[in-house]
Amino acid sequence: MTRSLSRRLTAAAVAPLLLLGACAGEDALDADSGDGGDSGNGGEAKGEVVIGGQNYTEMQIMSEVYKQVLENAGYDVTVQLVESRAVYTPEMQRGNVDVSADYLSSMTNYLNAEENGPDAPLVASPDVDETVEKLRELAEPTGIEPLEPAEAENANAFFVTQEFAEENDLATLSDLADLGEPVTLAAAEDCSERSDCKLGLEETYGMEISKVEPLGYATTQTKEAVKSGEVVLGQTGTSDASLEQDGLVLLEDDKNLQNAENLVPMVNSEFIEANSEVADLLNEMSSGLSTEELAEMIGKVDLERRTPEEVANDYLSGEGLI
C-alpha cells in the first residue's frame, strides 16, 4: 500500500519525463494495457508494472516483448519510452519505473560514471559474466539490479560490401587487417577518439586507418559511403537488420575488441523482491533470444513497416511464451 500510494503521488511529477516517448507510435506503444481486470492466461490480475526505456526501434520491440510476457501472466503493464538512460534510470531507482530493457556494458559504464565520475576508467569488458558481476556490484546501492542477460546483443560492429568480402576472402576484422592496406572508415563522429572504434582497430587489430569520415553510427550515409566505395569499412551494430538487403556484411570481431552489449532486463530491487515471478518470466524469455532473432524483428518493423506490437506477438507466440 505504501509503495502504491507513493507511485500515485509522484505520477504528476514523473509524467512529463516519461511521456516524451509518446510519439513512438500509439498502436505499437499503447501505454494502457486494457481494463487491468483479466490476465492473458485467464487468471486474476496480479498488479501494476511500469516498463521504461529508450525510444527507438529496438527498445520499442523489447519493451513490447516484456509487456506481452507480463500481461500474459496477469500483470497490468504500462510502457513509457523516453530519449535517454539518464531519464528513466533515476525513475527506476525511485521506484516509479519497475523494469527496463538495457545493454549490459552500456548500463555498467553508465552506473560506474554516476558513482565514480565521468572520467572514471571504463569497467565493462567483452566477458559477459565478469561484466554482469560488475553491474550487480554497481547497481546494488542504487536500488536496481540486472536479471539474466540474453544471448542477443547490439554491440558495435563493422561492415564491408559483400562483394569486397568475397573478392578478398574476408570473414573477420583480422582478415581485413591482414590485407596490409590502409583502411578508410565511415563511423560515429567521436570514432577517432574511441577505444572501440579507430583506436581499437589500430591497436587491437593492427589496421592502418587512413581516414575517418564522421557520417554516423549505422546511418544511411555511412552505408552509402561503403556501397559507393568512398570508404572500405562502416560502423553499425550487430543487430542491424538492413545490411543484407544493401549488399553489406559484418566482419566478425574475432579479437573481442567490443564490450559485451547483451540485452539485459534491469529491475527495481524492491519491486522484484515482491514480484519474483517477473524475474522468472523475463529470464525465461531472455534465455532463448538470439541476436539473429532480434535483428529479424527489427527488420520487420523498419523494413516491412509492421508495428512493434505485432512483431513481438509473432515472436512470443512462435516461441510458446504467450
C-alpha atoms as a PDB file:
ATOM      1  CA  MET A   1       0.000   0.000   0.000  1.00  0.00           C
ATOM      2  CA  THR A   2       2.816   2.454   0.854  1.00  0.00           C
ATOM      3  CA  ARG A   3       4.609   1.867  -2.440  1.00  0.00           C
ATOM      4  CA  SER A   4       1.401   2.134  -4.456  1.00  0.00           C
ATOM      5  CA  LEU A   5       0.445   5.380  -2.774  1.00  0.00           C
ATOM      6  CA  SER A   6       3.907   6.809  -3.321  1.00  0.00           C
ATOM      7  CA  ARG A   7       3.804   5.977  -7.015  1.00  0.00           C
ATOM      8  CA  ARG A   8       0.453   7.696  -7.418  1.00  0.00           C
ATOM      9  CA  LEU A   9       1.547  10.796  -5.532  1.00  0.00           C
ATOM     10  CA  THR A  10       4.624  11.167  -7.753  1.00  0.00           C
ATOM     11  CA  ALA A  11       2.835  10.413 -11.014  1.00  0.00           C
ATOM     12  CA  ALA A  12       2.213  14.036 -11.881  1.00  0.00           C
ATOM     13  CA  ALA A  13       5.888  14.856 -11.498  1.00  0.00           C
ATOM     14  CA  VAL A  14       7.123  11.843 -13.418  1.00  0.00           C
ATOM     15  CA  ALA A  15       4.685  12.007 -16.319  1.00  0.00           C
ATOM     16  CA  PRO A  16       6.354  14.879 -18.188  1.00  0.00           C
ATOM     17  CA  LEU A  17       9.583  12.860 -18.297  1.00  0.00           C
ATOM     18  CA  LEU A  18       8.029   9.575 -19.275  1.00  0.00           C
ATOM     19  CA  LEU A  19       5.645  10.909 -21.880  1.00  0.00           C
ATOM     20  CA  LEU A  20       8.465  12.158 -24.092  1.00  0.00           C
ATOM     21  CA  GLY A  21       8.191   8.824 -25.895  1.00  0.00           C
ATOM     22  CA  ALA A  22       4.505   9.140 -26.759  1.00  0.00           C
ATOM     23  CA  CYS A  23       5.183   9.904 -30.411  1.00  0.00           C
ATOM     24  CA  ALA A  24       6.738   6.470 -30.957  1.00  0.00           C
ATOM     25  CA  GLY A  25       3.503   5.041 -32.335  1.00  0.00           C
ATOM     26  CA  GLU A  26       0.329   4.794 -30.335  1.00  0.00           C
ATOM     27  CA  ASP A  27      -0.695   1.439 -31.756  1.00  0.00           C
ATOM     28  CA  ALA A  28       2.647  -0.162 -31.025  1.00  0.00           C
ATOM     29  CA  LEU A  29       3.329   1.542 -27.714  1.00  0.00           C
ATOM     30  CA  ASP A  30      -0.096   1.911 -26.137  1.00  0.00           C
ATOM     31  CA  ALA A  31       0.621   2.740 -22.532  1.00  0.00           C
ATOM     32  CA  ASP A  32      -2.750   1.413 -21.388  1.00  0.00           C
ATOM     33  CA  SER A  33      -2.830  -2.366 -21.253  1.00  0.00           C
ATOM     34  CA  GLY A  34      -6.610  -2.548 -21.055  1.00  0.00           C
ATOM     35  CA  ASP A  35      -9.034  -2.738 -18.192  1.00  0.00           C
ATOM     36  CA  GLY A  36      -6.492  -4.483 -15.963  1.00  0.00           C
ATOM     37  CA  GLY A  37      -9.054  -6.984 -14.697  1.00  0.00           C
ATOM     38  CA  ASP A  38      -8.228 -10.021 -16.824  1.00  0.00           C
ATOM     39  CA  SER A  39      -4.885 -11.649 -17.451  1.00  0.00           C
ATOM     40  CA  GLY A  40      -3.722 -13.214 -20.692  1.00  0.00           C
ATOM     41  CA  ASN A  41      -3.897 -16.647 -19.091  1.00  0.00           C
ATOM     42  CA  GLY A  42      -7.395 -16.183 -17.749  1.00  0.00           C
ATOM     43  CA  GLY A  43      -6.319 -15.562 -14.141  1.00  0.00           C
ATOM     44  CA  GLU A  44      -6.758 -12.673 -11.750  1.00  0.00           C
ATOM     45  CA  ALA A  45      -4.716  -9.526 -12.374  1.00  0.00           C
ATOM     46  CA  LYS A  46      -1.537  -9.514 -10.254  1.00  0.00           C
ATOM     47  CA  GLY A  47      -0.672  -5.830 -10.071  1.00  0.00           C
ATOM     48  CA  GLU A  48       0.876  -2.970 -11.987  1.00  0.00           C
ATOM     49  CA  VAL A  49       4.202  -2.953 -13.808  1.00  0.00           C
ATOM     50  CA  VAL A  50       5.780   0.134 -15.364  1.00  0.00           C
ATOM     51  CA  ILE A  51       8.292  -0.540 -18.144  1.00  0.00           C
ATOM     52  CA  GLY A  52      10.662   2.274 -19.094  1.00  0.00           C
ATOM     53  CA  GLY A  53      13.296   2.540 -21.767  1.00  0.00           C
ATOM     54  CA  GLN A  54      14.737   4.429 -24.703  1.00  0.00           C
ATOM     55  CA  ASN A  55      12.607   5.408 -27.658  1.00  0.00           C
ATOM     56  CA  TYR A  56      13.912   3.737 -30.813  1.00  0.00           C
ATOM     57  CA  THR A  57      13.003   0.619 -32.766  1.00  0.00           C
ATOM     58  CA  GLU A  58      14.989  -1.979 -30.864  1.00  0.00           C
ATOM     59  CA  MET A  59      13.780  -0.808 -27.470  1.00  0.00           C
ATOM     60  CA  GLN A  60      10.228  -0.326 -28.706  1.00  0.00           C
ATOM     61  CA  ILE A  61      10.260  -4.012 -29.673  1.00  0.00           C
ATOM     62  CA  MET A  62      11.913  -5.233 -26.474  1.00  0.00           C
ATOM     63  CA  SER A  63       9.598  -3.183 -24.278  1.00  0.00           C
ATOM     64  CA  GLU A  64       6.640  -4.684 -26.130  1.00  0.00           C
ATOM     65  CA  VAL A  65       8.097  -8.191 -25.689  1.00  0.00           C
ATOM     66  CA  TYR A  66       8.412  -7.614 -21.933  1.00  0.00           C
ATOM     67  CA  LYS A  67       4.923  -6.109 -21.825  1.00  0.00           C
ATOM     68  CA  GLN A  68       3.220  -9.016 -23.554  1.00  0.00           C
ATOM     69  CA  VAL A  69       5.048 -11.642 -21.487  1.00  0.00           C
ATOM     70  CA  LEU A  70       3.945  -9.947 -18.272  1.00  0.00           C
ATOM     71  CA  GLU A  71       0.401  -9.238 -19.455  1.00  0.00           C
ATOM     72  CA  ASN A  72       0.059 -12.888 -20.390  1.00  0.00           C
ATOM     73  CA  ALA A  73       0.914 -13.747 -16.789  1.00  0.00           C
ATOM     74  CA  GLY A  74      -1.735 -11.387 -15.435  1.00  0.00           C
ATOM     75  CA  TYR A  75       0.061  -8.095 -14.823  1.00  0.00           C
ATOM     76  CA  ASP A  76      -1.318  -4.672 -15.752  1.00  0.00           C
ATOM     77  CA  VAL A  77       1.538  -3.174 -17.770  1.00  0.00           C
ATOM     78  CA  THR A  78       2.323   0.399 -18.792  1.00  0.00           C
ATOM     79  CA  VAL A  79       5.135   1.218 -21.243  1.00  0.00           C
ATOM     80  CA  GLN A  80       6.726   4.675 -21.254  1.00  0.00           C
ATOM     81  CA  LEU A  81       9.687   5.357 -23.521  1.00  0.00           C
ATOM     82  CA  VAL A  82      11.965   8.384 -23.305  1.00  0.00           C
ATOM     83  CA  GLU A  83      15.063   9.699 -25.013  1.00  0.00           C
ATOM     84  CA  SER A  84      17.892   8.573 -22.757  1.00  0.00           C
ATOM     85  CA  ARG A  85      19.045   6.285 -19.984  1.00  0.00           C
ATOM     86  CA  ALA A  86      19.641   9.360 -17.844  1.00  0.00           C
ATOM     87  CA  VAL A  87      15.871   9.939 -17.734  1.00  0.00           C
ATOM     88  CA  TYR A  88      14.442   6.526 -16.892  1.00  0.00           C
ATOM     89  CA  THR A  89      17.211   5.111 -14.679  1.00  0.00           C
ATOM     90  CA  PRO A  90      16.713   7.631 -11.854  1.00  0.00           C
ATOM     91  CA  GLU A  91      12.979   6.919 -12.027  1.00  0.00           C
ATOM     92  CA  MET A  92      13.700   3.206 -11.645  1.00  0.00           C
ATOM     93  CA  GLN A  93      15.853   3.959  -8.629  1.00  0.00           C
ATOM     94  CA  ARG A  94      12.962   5.907  -7.114  1.00  0.00           C
ATOM     95  CA  GLY A  95      10.510   3.071  -7.783  1.00  0.00           C
ATOM     96  CA  ASN A  96       8.466   4.877 -10.424  1.00  0.00           C
ATOM     97  CA  VAL A  97       9.735   2.516 -13.143  1.00  0.00           C
ATOM     98  CA  ASP A  98       9.880  -1.216 -12.408  1.00  0.00           C
ATOM     99  CA  VAL A  99      11.566  -2.761 -15.449  1.00  0.00           C
ATOM    100  CA  SER A 100      13.629  -1.709 -18.452  1.00  0.00           C
ATOM    101  CA  ALA A 101      15.419  -3.418 -21.298  1.00  0.00           C
ATOM    102  CA  ASP A 102      19.034  -2.325 -21.381  1.00  0.00           C
ATOM    103  CA  TYR A 103      22.505  -3.160 -22.687  1.00  0.00           C
ATOM    104  CA  LEU A 104      24.953  -4.898 -20.411  1.00  0.00           C
ATOM    105  CA  SER A 105      28.152  -2.875 -20.847  1.00  0.00           C
ATOM    106  CA  SER A 106      26.449   0.446 -21.515  1.00  0.00           C
ATOM    107  CA  MET A 107      24.456   0.234 -18.277  1.00  0.00           C
ATOM    108  CA  THR A 108      27.555  -0.904 -16.384  1.00  0.00           C
ATOM    109  CA  ASN A 109      29.599   2.040 -17.631  1.00  0.00           C
ATOM    110  CA  TYR A 110      26.704   4.442 -17.022  1.00  0.00           C
ATOM    111  CA  LEU A 111      26.410   3.419 -13.364  1.00  0.00           C
ATOM    112  CA  ASN A 112      30.184   3.498 -12.998  1.00  0.00           C
ATOM    113  CA  ALA A 113      30.276   7.080 -14.281  1.00  0.00           C
ATOM    114  CA  GLU A 114      27.426   8.035 -11.950  1.00  0.00           C
ATOM    115  CA  GLU A 115      29.290   6.545  -8.991  1.00  0.00           C
ATOM    116  CA  ASN A 116      32.877   7.470  -9.819  1.00  0.00           C
ATOM    117  CA  GLY A 117      32.619  10.447 -12.148  1.00  0.00           C
ATOM    118  CA  PRO A 118      32.502  10.886 -15.934  1.00  0.00           C
ATOM    119  CA  ASP A 119      36.268  10.418 -16.297  1.00  0.00           C
ATOM    120  CA  ALA A 120      36.363   7.124 -14.380  1.00  0.00           C
ATOM    121  CA  PRO A 121      38.034   4.262 -16.277  1.00  0.00           C
ATOM    122  CA  LEU A 122      35.522   2.037 -18.059  1.00  0.00           C
ATOM    123  CA  VAL A 123      34.843  -1.182 -16.184  1.00  0.00           C
ATOM    124  CA  ALA A 124      32.792  -3.230 -18.659  1.00  0.00           C
ATOM    125  CA  SER A 125      34.517  -5.830 -20.812  1.00  0.00           C
ATOM    126  CA  PRO A 126      33.874  -8.350 -23.595  1.00  0.00           C
ATOM    127  CA  ASP A 127      33.371 -11.029 -20.907  1.00  0.00           C
ATOM    128  CA  VAL A 128      29.639 -11.356 -20.201  1.00  0.00           C
ATOM    129  CA  ASP A 129      29.934 -12.991 -16.782  1.00  0.00           C
ATOM    130  CA  GLU A 130      32.532 -10.535 -15.494  1.00  0.00           C
ATOM    131  CA  THR A 131      30.504  -7.580 -16.712  1.00  0.00           C
ATOM    132  CA  VAL A 132      27.317  -8.909 -15.119  1.00  0.00           C
ATOM    133  CA  GLU A 133      29.121  -9.202 -11.792  1.00  0.00           C
ATOM    134  CA  LYS A 134      30.432  -5.657 -12.091  1.00  0.00           C
ATOM    135  CA  LEU A 135      26.949  -4.435 -12.988  1.00  0.00           C
ATOM    136  CA  ARG A 136      25.443  -6.155  -9.941  1.00  0.00           C
ATOM    137  CA  GLU A 137      28.080  -4.551  -7.726  1.00  0.00           C
ATOM    138  CA  LEU A 138      27.451  -1.056  -9.099  1.00  0.00           C
ATOM    139  CA  ALA A 139      23.676  -1.408  -9.174  1.00  0.00           C
ATOM    140  CA  GLU A 140      23.157  -2.783  -5.660  1.00  0.00           C
ATOM    141  CA  PRO A 141      23.451   0.510  -3.748  1.00  0.00           C
ATOM    142  CA  THR A 142      21.176   2.262  -6.261  1.00  0.00           C
ATOM    143  CA  GLY A 143      18.146   0.047  -5.628  1.00  0.00           C
ATOM    144  CA  ILE A 144      18.162  -1.595  -9.034  1.00  0.00           C
ATOM    145  CA  GLU A 145      19.595  -4.866 -10.316  1.00  0.00           C
ATOM    146  CA  PRO A 146      20.068  -6.890 -13.501  1.00  0.00           C
ATOM    147  CA  LEU A 147      18.299 -10.129 -14.320  1.00  0.00           C
ATOM    148  CA  GLU A 148      19.858 -12.701 -16.656  1.00  0.00           C
ATOM    149  CA  PRO A 149      21.267 -11.346 -19.955  1.00  0.00           C
ATOM    150  CA  ALA A 150      20.121 -12.713 -23.292  1.00  0.00           C
ATOM    151  CA  GLU A 151      22.467 -14.064 -25.946  1.00  0.00           C
ATOM    152  CA  ALA A 152      21.062 -11.314 -28.169  1.00  0.00           C
ATOM    153  CA  GLU A 153      23.187  -8.200 -28.203  1.00  0.00           C
ATOM    154  CA  ASN A 154      23.702  -4.983 -30.089  1.00  0.00           C
ATOM    155  CA  ALA A 155      27.423  -4.347 -29.868  1.00  0.00           C
ATOM    156  CA  ASN A 156      29.423  -2.030 -32.096  1.00  0.00           C
ATOM    157  CA  ALA A 157      30.376  -3.751 -35.326  1.00  0.00           C
ATOM    158  CA  PHE A 158      31.987  -3.033 -38.687  1.00  0.00           C
ATOM    159  CA  PHE A 159      30.926  -3.971 -42.202  1.00  0.00           C
ATOM    160  CA  VAL A 160      32.134  -4.056 -45.796  1.00  0.00           C
ATOM    161  CA  THR A 161      30.334  -4.819 -49.034  1.00  0.00           C
ATOM    162  CA  GLN A 162      29.570  -8.439 -49.715  1.00  0.00           C
ATOM    163  CA  GLU A 163      31.464  -8.075 -52.995  1.00  0.00           C
ATOM    164  CA  PHE A 164      34.592  -6.768 -51.265  1.00  0.00           C
ATOM    165  CA  ALA A 165      34.429  -9.554 -48.677  1.00  0.00           C
ATOM    166  CA  GLU A 166      34.150 -12.241 -51.347  1.00  0.00           C
ATOM    167  CA  GLU A 167      36.896 -10.776 -53.521  1.00  0.00           C
ATOM    168  CA  ASN A 168      39.309 -10.681 -50.577  1.00  0.00           C
ATOM    169  CA  ASP A 169      38.098 -13.776 -48.700  1.00  0.00           C
ATOM    170  CA  LEU A 170      37.162 -11.746 -45.635  1.00  0.00           C
ATOM    171  CA  ALA A 171      35.171 -13.054 -42.683  1.00  0.00           C
ATOM    172  CA  THR A 172      36.819 -11.301 -39.732  1.00  0.00           C
ATOM    173  CA  LEU A 173      38.374  -7.977 -38.861  1.00  0.00           C
ATOM    174  CA  SER A 174      41.710  -9.798 -38.649  1.00  0.00           C
ATOM    175  CA  ASP A 175      41.269 -10.844 -42.277  1.00  0.00           C
ATOM    176  CA  LEU A 176      40.852  -7.198 -43.262  1.00  0.00           C
ATOM    177  CA  ALA A 177      43.906  -6.159 -41.261  1.00  0.00           C
ATOM    178  CA  ASP A 178      45.950  -8.948 -42.834  1.00  0.00           C
ATOM    179  CA  LEU A 179      45.449  -7.397 -46.286  1.00  0.00           C
ATOM    180  CA  GLY A 180      48.023  -4.855 -45.165  1.00  0.00           C
ATOM    181  CA  GLU A 181      46.276  -1.968 -46.900  1.00  0.00           C
ATOM    182  CA  PRO A 182      45.215   1.412 -45.434  1.00  0.00           C
ATOM    183  CA  VAL A 183      41.559   1.312 -44.406  1.00  0.00           C
ATOM    184  CA  THR A 184      39.097   4.175 -44.788  1.00  0.00           C
ATOM    185  CA  LEU A 185      36.228   4.192 -42.302  1.00  0.00           C
ATOM    186  CA  ALA A 186      32.804   5.822 -42.001  1.00  0.00           C
ATOM    187  CA  ALA A 187      31.635   5.923 -38.396  1.00  0.00           C
ATOM    188  CA  ALA A 188      30.293   7.976 -35.497  1.00  0.00           C
ATOM    189  CA  GLU A 189      31.621  11.494 -35.009  1.00  0.00           C
ATOM    190  CA  ASP A 190      33.681  10.515 -31.954  1.00  0.00           C
ATOM    191  CA  CYS A 191      35.172   7.390 -33.552  1.00  0.00           C
ATOM    192  CA  SER A 192      38.693   8.809 -33.806  1.00  0.00           C
ATOM    193  CA  GLU A 193      38.921   9.158 -30.018  1.00  0.00           C
ATOM    194  CA  ARG A 194      37.259   5.879 -29.058  1.00  0.00           C
ATOM    195  CA  SER A 195      38.997   2.698 -27.966  1.00  0.00           C
ATOM    196  CA  ASP A 196      36.187   0.636 -29.518  1.00  0.00           C
ATOM    197  CA  CYS A 197      36.489   2.368 -32.895  1.00  0.00           C
ATOM    198  CA  LYS A 198      39.558   3.834 -34.664  1.00  0.00           C
ATOM    199  CA  LEU A 199      41.952   3.464 -31.725  1.00  0.00           C
ATOM    200  CA  GLY A 200      40.931  -0.130 -31.067  1.00  0.00           C
ATOM    201  CA  LEU A 201      41.044  -1.125 -34.716  1.00  0.00           C
ATOM    202  CA  GLU A 202      44.603   0.181 -34.853  1.00  0.00           C
ATOM    203  CA  GLU A 203      45.825  -1.138 -31.505  1.00  0.00           C
ATOM    204  CA  THR A 204      43.967  -4.466 -31.315  1.00  0.00           C
ATOM    205  CA  TYR A 205      43.930  -5.410 -34.984  1.00  0.00           C
ATOM    206  CA  GLY A 206      46.940  -3.504 -36.285  1.00  0.00           C
ATOM    207  CA  MET A 207      44.939  -1.761 -39.005  1.00  0.00           C
ATOM    208  CA  GLU A 208      46.126   1.466 -40.557  1.00  0.00           C
ATOM    209  CA  ILE A 209      43.031   3.678 -40.503  1.00  0.00           C
ATOM    210  CA  SER A 210      43.972   6.338 -43.037  1.00  0.00           C
ATOM    211  CA  LYS A 211      40.745   8.356 -42.867  1.00  0.00           C
ATOM    212  CA  VAL A 212      37.613   8.524 -40.716  1.00  0.00           C
ATOM    213  CA  GLU A 213      34.516  10.048 -42.292  1.00  0.00           C
ATOM    214  CA  PRO A 214      32.181  11.158 -39.449  1.00  0.00           C
ATOM    215  CA  LEU A 215      28.982  10.082 -41.211  1.00  0.00           C
ATOM    216  CA  GLY A 216      27.353   8.498 -38.175  1.00  0.00           C
ATOM    217  CA  TYR A 217      26.732   5.189 -36.488  1.00  0.00           C
ATOM    218  CA  ALA A 218      24.577   2.838 -38.622  1.00  0.00           C
ATOM    219  CA  THR A 219      23.331   5.742 -40.718  1.00  0.00           C
ATOM    220  CA  THR A 220      22.212   5.661 -44.330  1.00  0.00           C
ATOM    221  CA  GLN A 221      25.099   7.999 -45.142  1.00  0.00           C
ATOM    222  CA  THR A 222      27.645   5.566 -43.695  1.00  0.00           C
ATOM    223  CA  LYS A 223      26.161   2.655 -45.609  1.00  0.00           C
ATOM    224  CA  GLU A 224      26.053   4.622 -48.857  1.00  0.00           C
ATOM    225  CA  ALA A 225      29.703   5.602 -48.403  1.00  0.00           C
ATOM    226  CA  VAL A 226      30.684   1.933 -48.139  1.00  0.00           C
ATOM    227  CA  LYS A 227      28.472   0.878 -51.040  1.00  0.00           C
ATOM    228  CA  SER A 228      29.838   3.607 -53.305  1.00  0.00           C
ATOM    229  CA  GLY A 229      33.456   2.801 -52.476  1.00  0.00           C
ATOM    230  CA  GLU A 230      34.085   6.159 -50.811  1.00  0.00           C
ATOM    231  CA  VAL A 231      35.263   4.170 -47.778  1.00  0.00           C
ATOM    232  CA  VAL A 232      36.042   0.493 -47.227  1.00  0.00           C
ATOM    233  CA  LEU A 233      34.627  -0.012 -43.738  1.00  0.00           C
ATOM    234  CA  GLY A 234      31.493   1.214 -41.979  1.00  0.00           C
ATOM    235  CA  GLN A 235      30.301   1.173 -38.367  1.00  0.00           C
ATOM    236  CA  THR A 236      26.961  -0.207 -37.216  1.00  0.00           C
ATOM    237  CA  GLY A 237      25.541  -2.579 -34.581  1.00  0.00           C
ATOM    238  CA  THR A 238      25.335  -6.359 -34.543  1.00  0.00           C
ATOM    239  CA  SER A 239      21.520  -6.271 -34.704  1.00  0.00           C
ATOM    240  CA  ASP A 240      21.412  -4.087 -37.850  1.00  0.00           C
ATOM    241  CA  ALA A 241      18.638  -5.585 -39.984  1.00  0.00           C
ATOM    242  CA  SER A 242      19.287  -3.734 -43.229  1.00  0.00           C
ATOM    243  CA  LEU A 243      22.759  -4.952 -44.153  1.00  0.00           C
ATOM    244  CA  GLU A 244      21.830  -7.965 -46.255  1.00  0.00           C
ATOM    245  CA  GLN A 245      19.385  -6.115 -48.470  1.00  0.00           C
ATOM    246  CA  ASP A 246      22.028  -3.439 -49.048  1.00  0.00           C
ATOM    247  CA  GLY A 247      24.662  -5.980 -50.078  1.00  0.00           C
ATOM    248  CA  LEU A 248      26.694  -5.424 -46.897  1.00  0.00           C
ATOM    249  CA  VAL A 249      28.169  -7.913 -44.437  1.00  0.00           C
ATOM    250  CA  LEU A 250      29.546  -7.718 -40.893  1.00  0.00           C
ATOM    251  CA  LEU A 251      33.123  -8.746 -40.213  1.00  0.00           C
ATOM    252  CA  GLU A 252      33.490 -10.832 -37.063  1.00  0.00           C
ATOM    253  CA  ASP A 253      35.156  -9.157 -34.091  1.00  0.00           C
ATOM    254  CA  ASP A 254      37.459 -12.146 -33.643  1.00  0.00           C
ATOM    255  CA  LYS A 255      39.772 -10.424 -31.145  1.00  0.00           C
ATOM    256  CA  ASN A 256      36.934  -9.231 -28.877  1.00  0.00           C
ATOM    257  CA  LEU A 257      37.510  -5.513 -29.273  1.00  0.00           C
ATOM    258  CA  GLN A 258      33.903  -4.730 -28.369  1.00  0.00           C
ATOM    259  CA  ASN A 259      32.429  -4.969 -24.901  1.00  0.00           C
ATOM    260  CA  ALA A 260      29.525  -7.335 -24.236  1.00  0.00           C
ATOM    261  CA  GLU A 261      26.283  -5.497 -25.041  1.00  0.00           C
ATOM    262  CA  ASN A 262      23.812  -8.286 -24.353  1.00  0.00           C
ATOM    263  CA  LEU A 263      20.227  -7.267 -23.733  1.00  0.00           C
ATOM    264  CA  VAL A 264      19.557  -7.436 -20.010  1.00  0.00           C
ATOM    265  CA  PRO A 265      16.368  -6.709 -18.042  1.00  0.00           C
ATOM    266  CA  MET A 266      17.017  -4.158 -15.327  1.00  0.00           C
ATOM    267  CA  VAL A 267      14.561  -4.090 -12.421  1.00  0.00           C
ATOM    268  CA  ASN A 268      13.807  -2.102  -9.302  1.00  0.00           C
ATOM    269  CA  SER A 269      15.063  -4.215  -6.390  1.00  0.00           C
ATOM    270  CA  GLU A 270      12.076  -3.621  -4.130  1.00  0.00           C
ATOM    271  CA  PHE A 271       9.677  -4.445  -6.948  1.00  0.00           C
ATOM    272  CA  ILE A 272      11.391  -7.688  -7.924  1.00  0.00           C
ATOM    273  CA  GLU A 273      11.620  -8.835  -4.311  1.00  0.00           C
ATOM    274  CA  ALA A 274       7.839  -8.524  -4.092  1.00  0.00           C
ATOM    275  CA  ASN A 275       7.261  -9.976  -7.584  1.00  0.00           C
ATOM    276  CA  SER A 276       9.769 -12.784  -8.045  1.00  0.00           C
ATOM    277  CA  GLU A 277       7.619 -14.328 -10.792  1.00  0.00           C
ATOM    278  CA  VAL A 278       8.521 -11.362 -13.014  1.00  0.00           C
ATOM    279  CA  ALA A 279      12.181 -12.380 -12.821  1.00  0.00           C
ATOM    280  CA  ASP A 280      11.314 -15.944 -13.793  1.00  0.00           C
ATOM    281  CA  LEU A 281       9.229 -14.791 -16.753  1.00  0.00           C
ATOM    282  CA  LEU A 282      11.775 -12.350 -18.123  1.00  0.00           C
ATOM    283  CA  ASN A 283      14.696 -14.717 -17.566  1.00  0.00           C
ATOM    284  CA  GLU A 284      12.866 -17.442 -19.487  1.00  0.00           C
ATOM    285  CA  MET A 285      12.227 -15.054 -22.349  1.00  0.00           C
ATOM    286  CA  SER A 286      15.834 -13.834 -22.395  1.00  0.00           C
ATOM    287  CA  SER A 287      17.261 -17.351 -22.367  1.00  0.00           C
ATOM    288  CA  GLY A 288      16.016 -18.075 -25.880  1.00  0.00           C
ATOM    289  CA  LEU A 289      16.543 -14.741 -27.646  1.00  0.00           C
ATOM    290  CA  SER A 290      19.396 -14.616 -30.164  1.00  0.00           C
ATOM    291  CA  THR A 291      20.973 -11.696 -31.994  1.00  0.00           C
ATOM    292  CA  GLU A 292      19.648 -13.099 -35.266  1.00  0.00           C
ATOM    293  CA  GLU A 293      16.091 -13.182 -33.921  1.00  0.00           C
ATOM    294  CA  LEU A 294      16.454  -9.656 -32.598  1.00  0.00           C
ATOM    295  CA  ALA A 295      17.693  -8.416 -35.973  1.00  0.00           C
ATOM    296  CA  GLU A 296      14.824 -10.195 -37.716  1.00  0.00           C
ATOM    297  CA  MET A 297      12.277  -8.444 -35.502  1.00  0.00           C
ATOM    298  CA  ILE A 298      13.921  -5.080 -36.122  1.00  0.00           C
ATOM    299  CA  GLY A 299      13.799  -5.705 -39.856  1.00  0.00           C
ATOM    300  CA  LYS A 300      10.089  -6.450 -39.743  1.00  0.00           C
ATOM    301  CA  VAL A 301       9.484  -3.069 -38.106  1.00  0.00           C
ATOM    302  CA  ASP A 302      11.965  -0.894 -40.001  1.00  0.00           C
ATOM    303  CA  LEU A 303      11.813  -2.560 -43.399  1.00  0.00           C
ATOM    304  CA  GLU A 304       8.360  -4.120 -43.560  1.00  0.00           C
ATOM    305  CA  ARG A 305       6.640  -1.339 -41.578  1.00  0.00           C
ATOM    306  CA  ARG A 306       4.957  -3.672 -39.120  1.00  0.00           C
ATOM    307  CA  THR A 307       4.279  -2.489 -35.578  1.00  0.00           C
ATOM    308  CA  PRO A 308       6.447  -3.489 -32.605  1.00  0.00           C
ATOM    309  CA  GLU A 309       3.298  -4.942 -31.022  1.00  0.00           C
ATOM    310  CA  GLU A 310       2.659  -7.265 -33.981  1.00  0.00           C
ATOM    311  CA  VAL A 311       6.286  -8.329 -34.274  1.00  0.00           C
ATOM    312  CA  ALA A 312       6.638  -9.030 -30.554  1.00  0.00           C
ATOM    313  CA  ASN A 313       3.427 -11.046 -30.563  1.00  0.00           C
ATOM    314  CA  ASP A 314       4.570 -13.162 -33.508  1.00  0.00           C
ATOM    315  CA  TYR A 315       7.902 -13.894 -31.867  1.00  0.00           C
ATOM    316  CA  LEU A 316       6.462 -14.767 -28.458  1.00  0.00           C
ATOM    317  CA  SER A 317       3.682 -16.894 -29.940  1.00  0.00           C
ATOM    318  CA  GLY A 318       6.166 -18.775 -32.100  1.00  0.00           C
ATOM    319  CA  GLU A 319       8.379 -19.483 -29.088  1.00  0.00           C
ATOM    320  CA  GLY A 320       5.415 -20.623 -26.974  1.00  0.00           C
ATOM    321  CA  LEU A 321       5.993 -17.823 -24.456  1.00  0.00           C
ATOM    322  CA  ILE A 322       2.447 -16.489 -24.659  1.00  0.00           C
END
